[in-house]
Amino acid sequence: MTFTTLISTIGVSLILAAFLLNIFKLVTTDHKGYLLLNIVGGAFACYGSILLDSLPFIILEGTWSIVAIIGLFKSYKKTTA
């Protein structure tokens, strides 16, 4: 397994783990763990896409991480308000 494949596999596995946890109602979409899995998973998958030079997936995974970061900030604002 190449480094690129390993990084990409870790990334998509984390995103899928978050999805499955949500589908089975173990976490909600505003749960910090869910958001962190999406941030880290998206970042790893984005980095793997950079290594593969795949612009569509760089955009997809980069956006995925950014949206999850925004969600994390919103969840912290909600708990402090």
PDB file of N, CA and C in Angstrom:
ATOM      1  N   MET A   1       0.852  -1.175   0.000  1.00  0.00           N
ATOM      2  CA  MET A   1       0.000   0.000   0.000  1.00  0.00           C
ATOM      3  C   MET A   1       0.899   1.241   0.000  1.00  0.00           C
ATOM      4  N   THR A   2       0.615   2.143  -0.908  1.00  0.00           N
ATOM      5  CA  THR A   2       1.410   3.359  -0.995  1.00  0.00           C
ATOM      6  C   THR A   2       0.996   4.348   0.089  1.00  0.00           C
ATOM      7  N   PHE A   3       1.852   5.334   0.331  1.00  0.00           N
ATOM      8  CA  PHE A   3       1.563   6.382   1.308  1.00  0.00           C
ATOM      9  C   PHE A   3       0.283   7.123   0.934  1.00  0.00           C
ATOM     10  N   THR A   4       0.128   7.448  -0.335  1.00  0.00           N
ATOM     11  CA  THR A   4      -1.058   8.163  -0.808  1.00  0.00           C
ATOM     12  C   THR A   4      -2.322   7.353  -0.546  1.00  0.00           C
ATOM     13  N   THR A   5      -2.278   6.073  -0.835  1.00  0.00           N
ATOM     14  CA  THR A   5      -3.435   5.206  -0.598  1.00  0.00           C
ATOM     15  C   THR A   5      -3.740   5.114   0.883  1.00  0.00           C
ATOM     16  N   LEU A   6      -2.723   5.012   1.708  1.00  0.00           N
ATOM     17  CA  LEU A   6      -2.912   4.925   3.155  1.00  0.00           C
ATOM     18  C   LEU A   6      -3.575   6.196   3.702  1.00  0.00           C
ATOM     19  N   ILE A   7      -3.057   7.355   3.329  1.00  0.00           N
ATOM     20  CA  ILE A   7      -3.615   8.632   3.792  1.00  0.00           C
ATOM     21  C   ILE A   7      -5.064   8.773   3.331  1.00  0.00           C
ATOM     22  N   SER A   8      -5.319   8.477   2.083  1.00  0.00           N
ATOM     23  CA  SER A   8      -6.678   8.585   1.538  1.00  0.00           C
ATOM     24  C   SER A   8      -7.632   7.611   2.218  1.00  0.00           C
ATOM     25  N   THR A   9      -7.170   6.409   2.465  1.00  0.00           N
ATOM     26  CA  THR A   9      -7.996   5.386   3.112  1.00  0.00           C
ATOM     27  C   THR A   9      -8.345   5.794   4.538  1.00  0.00           C
ATOM     28  N   ILE A  10      -7.385   6.318   5.263  1.00  0.00           N
ATOM     29  CA  ILE A  10      -7.654   6.804   6.623  1.00  0.00           C
ATOM     30  C   ILE A  10      -8.699   7.915   6.573  1.00  0.00           C
ATOM     31  N   GLY A  11      -8.536   8.844   5.646  1.00  0.00           N
ATOM     32  CA  GLY A  11      -9.471   9.957   5.527  1.00  0.00           C
ATOM     33  C   GLY A  11     -10.888   9.520   5.265  1.00  0.00           C
ATOM     34  N   VAL A  12     -11.073   8.712   4.246  1.00  0.00           N
ATOM     35  CA  VAL A  12     -12.444   8.297   3.922  1.00  0.00           C
ATOM     36  C   VAL A  12     -13.012   7.374   4.997  1.00  0.00           C
ATOM     37  N   SER A  13     -12.170   6.623   5.665  1.00  0.00           N
ATOM     38  CA  SER A  13     -12.644   5.766   6.762  1.00  0.00           C
ATOM     39  C   SER A  13     -13.184   6.600   7.916  1.00  0.00           C
ATOM     40  N   LEU A  14     -12.506   7.696   8.234  1.00  0.00           N
ATOM     41  CA  LEU A  14     -12.982   8.578   9.308  1.00  0.00           C
ATOM     42  C   LEU A  14     -14.310   9.235   8.936  1.00  0.00           C
ATOM     43  N   ILE A  15     -14.427   9.673   7.688  1.00  0.00           N
ATOM     44  CA  ILE A  15     -15.681  10.272   7.228  1.00  0.00           C
ATOM     45  C   ILE A  15     -16.807   9.238   7.284  1.00  0.00           C
ATOM     46  N   LEU A  16     -16.541   8.032   6.822  1.00  0.00           N
ATOM     47  CA  LEU A  16     -17.556   6.976   6.857  1.00  0.00           C
ATOM     48  C   LEU A  16     -17.909   6.578   8.284  1.00  0.00           C
ATOM     49  N   ALA A  17     -16.930   6.583   9.180  1.00  0.00           N
ATOM     50  CA  ALA A  17     -17.204   6.277  10.589  1.00  0.00           C
ATOM     51  C   ALA A  17     -18.168   7.309  11.171  1.00  0.00           C
ATOM     52  N   ALA A  18     -17.923   8.585  10.877  1.00  0.00           N
ATOM     53  CA  ALA A  18     -18.824   9.642  11.353  1.00  0.00           C
ATOM     54  C   ALA A  18     -20.233   9.424  10.802  1.00  0.00           C
ATOM     55  N   PHE A  19     -20.326   9.106   9.530  1.00  0.00           N
ATOM     56  CA  PHE A  19     -21.619   8.877   8.882  1.00  0.00           C
ATOM     57  C   PHE A  19     -22.357   7.709   9.538  1.00  0.00           C
ATOM     58  N   LEU A  20     -21.661   6.606   9.741  1.00  0.00           N
ATOM     59  CA  LEU A  20     -22.290   5.433  10.356  1.00  0.00           C
ATOM     60  C   LEU A  20     -22.724   5.718  11.791  1.00  0.00           C
ATOM     61  N   LEU A  21     -21.898   6.405  12.555  1.00  0.00           N
ATOM     62  CA  LEU A  21     -22.271   6.766  13.929  1.00  0.00           C
ATOM     63  C   LEU A  21     -23.532   7.608  13.945  1.00  0.00           C
ATOM     64  N   ASN A  22     -23.663   8.494  12.978  1.00  0.00           N
ATOM     65  CA  ASN A  22     -24.849   9.333  12.891  1.00  0.00           C
ATOM     66  C   ASN A  22     -26.066   8.525  12.441  1.00  0.00           C
ATOM     67  N   ILE A  23     -25.918   7.687  11.453  1.00  0.00           N
ATOM     68  CA  ILE A  23     -27.028   6.889  10.941  1.00  0.00           C
ATOM     69  C   ILE A  23     -27.591   5.977  12.032  1.00  0.00           C
ATOM     70  N   PHE A  24     -26.710   5.408  12.855  1.00  0.00           N
ATOM     71  CA  PHE A  24     -27.160   4.518  13.930  1.00  0.00           C
ATOM     72  C   PHE A  24     -27.486   5.277  15.217  1.00  0.00           C
ATOM     73  N   LYS A  25     -27.572   6.614  15.084  1.00  0.00           N
ATOM     74  CA  LYS A  25     -27.994   7.498  16.167  1.00  0.00           C
ATOM     75  C   LYS A  25     -27.110   7.403  17.408  1.00  0.00           C
ATOM     76  N   LEU A  26     -25.821   7.166  17.189  1.00  0.00           N
ATOM     77  CA  LEU A  26     -24.866   7.172  18.291  1.00  0.00           C
ATOM     78  C   LEU A  26     -24.293   8.573  18.526  1.00  0.00           C
ATOM     79  N   VAL A  27     -24.330   9.403  17.491  1.00  0.00           N
ATOM     80  CA  VAL A  27     -23.954  10.814  17.606  1.00  0.00           C
ATOM     81  C   VAL A  27     -24.899  11.623  16.721  1.00  0.00           C
ATOM     82  N   THR A  28     -25.018  12.913  17.060  1.00  0.00           N
ATOM     83  CA  THR A  28     -25.797  13.816  16.223  1.00  0.00           C
ATOM     84  C   THR A  28     -24.838  14.625  15.349  1.00  0.00           C
ATOM     85  N   THR A  29     -25.396  15.330  14.382  1.00  0.00           N
ATOM     86  CA  THR A  29     -24.542  16.084  13.468  1.00  0.00           C
ATOM     87  C   THR A  29     -23.882  17.294  14.124  1.00  0.00           C
ATOM     88  N   ASP A  30     -24.351  17.697  15.295  1.00  0.00           N
ATOM     89  CA  ASP A  30     -23.689  18.804  15.989  1.00  0.00           C
ATOM     90  C   ASP A  30     -22.786  18.320  17.127  1.00  0.00           C
ATOM     91  N   HIS A  31     -22.614  17.011  17.249  1.00  0.00           N
ATOM     92  CA  HIS A  31     -21.717  16.434  18.252  1.00  0.00           C
ATOM     93  C   HIS A  31     -20.269  16.731  17.864  1.00  0.00           C
ATOM     94  N   LYS A  32     -19.479  17.143  18.829  1.00  0.00           N
ATOM     95  CA  LYS A  32     -18.096  17.533  18.535  1.00  0.00           C
ATOM     96  C   LYS A  32     -17.270  16.380  17.953  1.00  0.00           C
ATOM     97  N   GLY A  33     -17.501  15.166  18.416  1.00  0.00           N
ATOM     98  CA  GLY A  33     -16.794  14.010  17.870  1.00  0.00           C
ATOM     99  C   GLY A  33     -17.110  13.769  16.407  1.00  0.00           C
ATOM    100  N   TYR A  34     -18.375  13.932  16.062  1.00  0.00           N
ATOM    101  CA  TYR A  34     -18.807  13.793  14.667  1.00  0.00           C
ATOM    102  C   TYR A  34     -18.102  14.824  13.793  1.00  0.00           C
ATOM    103  N   LEU A  35     -18.091  16.054  14.270  1.00  0.00           N
ATOM    104  CA  LEU A  35     -17.460  17.128  13.496  1.00  0.00           C
ATOM    105  C   LEU A  35     -15.955  16.928  13.389  1.00  0.00           C
ATOM    106  N   LEU A  36     -15.312  16.494  14.470  1.00  0.00           N
ATOM    107  CA  LEU A  36     -13.865  16.250  14.429  1.00  0.00           C
ATOM    108  C   LEU A  36     -13.510  15.117  13.469  1.00  0.00           C
ATOM    109  N   LEU A  37     -14.313  14.056  13.464  1.00  0.00           N
ATOM    110  CA  LEU A  37     -14.070  12.972  12.501  1.00  0.00           C
ATOM    111  C   LEU A  37     -14.156  13.498  11.070  1.00  0.00           C
ATOM    112  N   ASN A  38     -15.124  14.373  10.804  1.00  0.00           N
ATOM    113  CA  ASN A  38     -15.269  14.941   9.467  1.00  0.00           C
ATOM    114  C   ASN A  38     -14.125  15.899   9.127  1.00  0.00           C
ATOM    115  N   ILE A  39     -13.679  16.689  10.098  1.00  0.00           N
ATOM    116  CA  ILE A  39     -12.566  17.614   9.847  1.00  0.00           C
ATOM    117  C   ILE A  39     -11.298  16.843   9.512  1.00  0.00           C
ATOM    118  N   VAL A  40     -10.942  15.912  10.381  1.00  0.00           N
ATOM    119  CA  VAL A  40      -9.692  15.154  10.184  1.00  0.00           C
ATOM    120  C   VAL A  40      -9.807  14.247   8.956  1.00  0.00           C
ATOM    121  N   GLY A  41     -10.944  13.579   8.814  1.00  0.00           N
ATOM    122  CA  GLY A  41     -11.141  12.706   7.654  1.00  0.00           C
ATOM    123  C   GLY A  41     -11.089  13.472   6.349  1.00  0.00           C
ATOM    124  N   GLY A  42     -11.763  14.622   6.312  1.00  0.00           N
ATOM    125  CA  GLY A  42     -11.743  15.448   5.104  1.00  0.00           C
ATOM    126  C   GLY A  42     -10.354  15.976   4.796  1.00  0.00           C
ATOM    127  N   ALA A  43      -9.623  16.349   5.852  1.00  0.00           N
ATOM    128  CA  ALA A  43      -8.265  16.863   5.653  1.00  0.00           C
ATOM    129  C   ALA A  43      -7.341  15.774   5.099  1.00  0.00           C
ATOM    130  N   PHE A  44      -7.440  14.570   5.656  1.00  0.00           N
ATOM    131  CA  PHE A  44      -6.610  13.465   5.156  1.00  0.00           C
ATOM    132  C   PHE A  44      -6.980  13.134   3.708  1.00  0.00           C
ATOM    133  N   ALA A  45      -8.279  13.062   3.436  1.00  0.00           N
ATOM    134  CA  ALA A  45      -8.712  12.749   2.071  1.00  0.00           C
ATOM    135  C   ALA A  45      -8.310  13.856   1.101  1.00  0.00           C
ATOM    136  N   CYS A  46      -8.358  15.108   1.565  1.00  0.00           N
ATOM    137  CA  CYS A  46      -7.936  16.227   0.724  1.00  0.00           C
ATOM    138  C   CYS A  46      -6.435  16.123   0.419  1.00  0.00           C
ATOM    139  N   TYR A  47      -5.655  15.815   1.446  1.00  0.00           N
ATOM    140  CA  TYR A  47      -4.214  15.667   1.241  1.00  0.00           C
ATOM    141  C   TYR A  47      -3.917  14.516   0.267  1.00  0.00           C
ATOM    142  N   GLY A  48      -4.644  13.419   0.420  1.00  0.00           N
ATOM    143  CA  GLY A  48      -4.486  12.305  -0.520  1.00  0.00           C
ATOM    144  C   GLY A  48      -4.839  12.722  -1.938  1.00  0.00           C
ATOM    145  N   SER A  49      -5.877  13.547  -2.062  1.00  0.00           N
ATOM    146  CA  SER A  49      -6.278  14.042  -3.390  1.00  0.00           C
ATOM    147  C   SER A  49      -5.231  14.978  -3.972  1.00  0.00           C
ATOM    148  N   ILE A  50      -4.591  15.759  -3.110  1.00  0.00           N
ATOM    149  CA  ILE A  50      -3.492  16.630  -3.572  1.00  0.00           C
ATOM    150  C   ILE A  50      -2.356  15.765  -4.114  1.00  0.00           C
ATOM    151  N   LEU A  51      -2.025  14.711  -3.363  1.00  0.00           N
ATOM    152  CA  LEU A  51      -0.951  13.817  -3.810  1.00  0.00           C
ATOM    153  C   LEU A  51      -1.300  13.135  -5.135  1.00  0.00           C
ATOM    154  N   LEU A  52      -2.593  12.900  -5.352  1.00  0.00           N
ATOM    155  CA  LEU A  52      -3.044  12.286  -6.605  1.00  0.00           C
ATOM    156  C   LEU A  52      -3.281  13.304  -7.708  1.00  0.00           C
ATOM    157  N   ASP A  53      -3.198  14.589  -7.355  1.00  0.00           N
ATOM    158  CA  ASP A  53      -3.432  15.687  -8.297  1.00  0.00           C
ATOM    159  C   ASP A  53      -4.840  15.603  -8.905  1.00  0.00           C
ATOM    160  N   SER A  54      -5.829  15.398  -8.022  1.00  0.00           N
ATOM    161  CA  SER A  54      -7.219  15.269  -8.460  1.00  0.00           C
ATOM    162  C   SER A  54      -8.013  16.481  -7.972  1.00  0.00           C
ATOM    163  N   LEU A  55      -8.075  17.517  -8.811  1.00  0.00           N
ATOM    164  CA  LEU A  55      -8.694  18.780  -8.434  1.00  0.00           C
ATOM    165  C   LEU A  55     -10.139  18.644  -7.955  1.00  0.00           C
ATOM    166  N   PRO A  56     -10.999  17.862  -8.618  1.00  0.00           N
ATOM    167  CA  PRO A  56     -12.380  17.757  -8.122  1.00  0.00           C
ATOM    168  C   PRO A  56     -12.455  17.244  -6.680  1.00  0.00           C
ATOM    169  N   PHE A  57     -11.615  16.274  -6.350  1.00  0.00           N
ATOM    170  CA  PHE A  57     -11.645  15.728  -4.996  1.00  0.00           C
ATOM    171  C   PHE A  57     -10.922  16.627  -3.995  1.00  0.00           C
ATOM    172  N   ILE A  58      -9.959  17.396  -4.450  1.00  0.00           N
ATOM    173  CA  ILE A  58      -9.340  18.402  -3.582  1.00  0.00           C
ATOM    174  C   ILE A  58     -10.409  19.402  -3.155  1.00  0.00           C
ATOM    175  N   ILE A  59     -11.207  19.860  -4.109  1.00  0.00           N
ATOM    176  CA  ILE A  59     -12.282  20.813  -3.816  1.00  0.00           C
ATOM    177  C   ILE A  59     -13.318  20.176  -2.889  1.00  0.00           C
ATOM    178  N   LEU A  60     -13.741  18.965  -3.205  1.00  0.00           N
ATOM    179  CA  LEU A  60     -14.747  18.274  -2.400  1.00  0.00           C
ATOM    180  C   LEU A  60     -14.287  18.086  -0.960  1.00  0.00           C
ATOM    181  N   GLU A  61     -13.130  17.496  -0.784  1.00  0.00           N
ATOM    182  CA  GLU A  61     -12.656  17.168   0.560  1.00  0.00           C
ATOM    183  C   GLU A  61     -12.224  18.410   1.337  1.00  0.00           C
ATOM    184  N   GLY A  62     -11.659  19.381   0.641  1.00  0.00           N
ATOM    185  CA  GLY A  62     -11.307  20.642   1.301  1.00  0.00           C
ATOM    186  C   GLY A  62     -12.550  21.358   1.804  1.00  0.00           C
ATOM    187  N   THR A  63     -13.571  21.397   0.971  1.00  0.00           N
ATOM    188  CA  THR A  63     -14.844  22.014   1.366  1.00  0.00           C
ATOM    189  C   THR A  63     -15.467  21.247   2.525  1.00  0.00           C
ATOM    190  N   TRP A  64     -15.389  19.933   2.479  1.00  0.00           N
ATOM    191  CA  TRP A  64     -15.928  19.072   3.543  1.00  0.00           C
ATOM    192  C   TRP A  64     -15.306  19.457   4.888  1.00  0.00           C
ATOM    193  N   SER A  65     -13.998  19.609   4.920  1.00  0.00           N
ATOM    194  CA  SER A  65     -13.314  19.975   6.160  1.00  0.00           C
ATOM    195  C   SER A  65     -13.679  21.383   6.609  1.00  0.00           C
ATOM    196  N   ILE A  66     -13.733  22.315   5.687  1.00  0.00           N
ATOM    197  CA  ILE A  66     -14.058  23.707   6.035  1.00  0.00           C
ATOM    198  C   ILE A  66     -15.465  23.804   6.618  1.00  0.00           C
ATOM    199  N   VAL A  67     -16.419  23.127   6.004  1.00  0.00           N
ATOM    200  CA  VAL A  67     -17.794  23.151   6.507  1.00  0.00           C
ATOM    201  C   VAL A  67     -17.855  22.518   7.897  1.00  0.00           C
ATOM    202  N   ALA A  68     -17.124  21.442   8.114  1.00  0.00           N
ATOM    203  CA  ALA A  68     -17.100  20.806   9.434  1.00  0.00           C
ATOM    204  C   ALA A  68     -16.448  21.718  10.472  1.00  0.00           C
ATOM    205  N   ILE A  69     -15.414  22.473  10.073  1.00  0.00           N
ATOM    206  CA  ILE A  69     -14.783  23.435  10.992  1.00  0.00           C
ATOM    207  C   ILE A  69     -15.789  24.513  11.377  1.00  0.00           C
ATOM    208  N   ILE A  70     -16.542  25.004  10.414  1.00  0.00           N
ATOM    209  CA  ILE A  70     -17.575  26.006  10.697  1.00  0.00           C
ATOM    210  C   ILE A  70     -18.613  25.424  11.660  1.00  0.00           C
ATOM    211  N   GLY A  71     -19.015  24.195  11.422  1.00  0.00           N
ATOM    212  CA  GLY A  71     -19.961  23.531  12.320  1.00  0.00           C
ATOM    213  C   GLY A  71     -19.417  23.390  13.729  1.00  0.00           C
ATOM    214  N   LEU A  72     -18.132  23.093  13.842  1.00  0.00           N
ATOM    215  CA  LEU A  72     -17.503  22.967  15.160  1.00  0.00           C
ATOM    216  C   LEU A  72     -17.508  24.306  15.887  1.00  0.00           C
ATOM    217  N   PHE A  73     -17.161  25.365  15.192  1.00  0.00           N
ATOM    218  CA  PHE A  73     -17.204  26.699  15.801  1.00  0.00           C
ATOM    219  C   PHE A  73     -18.625  27.054  16.239  1.00  0.00           C
ATOM    220  N   LYS A  74     -19.595  26.726  15.421  1.00  0.00           N
ATOM    221  CA  LYS A  74     -20.994  27.010  15.767  1.00  0.00           C
ATOM    222  C   LYS A  74     -21.419  26.204  16.992  1.00  0.00           C
ATOM    223  N   SER A  75     -20.950  24.964  17.102  1.00  0.00           N
ATOM    224  CA  SER A  75     -21.319  24.149  18.261  1.00  0.00           C
ATOM    225  C   SER A  75     -20.703  24.722  19.534  1.00  0.00           C
ATOM    226  N   TYR A  76     -19.503  25.278  19.446  1.00  0.00           N
ATOM    227  CA  TYR A  76     -18.888  25.898  20.621  1.00  0.00           C
ATOM    228  C   TYR A  76     -19.625  27.190  21.006  1.00  0.00           C
ATOM    229  N   LYS A  77     -20.056  27.952  20.006  1.00  0.00           N
ATOM    230  CA  LYS A  77     -20.832  29.170  20.282  1.00  0.00           C
ATOM    231  C   LYS A  77     -22.151  28.819  20.958  1.00  0.00           C
ATOM    232  N   LYS A  78     -22.788  27.733  20.500  1.00  0.00           N
ATOM    233  CA  LYS A  78     -24.070  27.321  21.048  1.00  0.00           C
ATOM    234  C   LYS A  78     -23.935  26.927  22.517  1.00  0.00           C
ATOM    235  N   THR A  79     -22.835  26.235  22.872  1.00  0.00           N
ATOM    236  CA  THR A  79     -22.656  25.774  24.242  1.00  0.00           C
ATOM    237  C   THR A  79     -22.257  26.909  25.181  1.00  0.00           C
ATOM    238  N   THR A  80     -21.631  27.953  24.663  1.00  0.00           N
ATOM    239  CA  THR A  80     -21.235  29.073  25.517  1.00  0.00           C
ATOM    240  C   THR A  80     -22.323  30.124  25.647  1.00  0.00           C
ATOM    241  N   ALA A  81     -23.317  30.082  24.778  1.00  0.00           N
ATOM    242  CA  ALA A  81     -24.385  31.093  24.813  1.00  0.00           C
ATOM    243  C   ALA A  81     -25.444  30.775  25.842  1.00  0.00           C
TER     244      ALA A  81
END
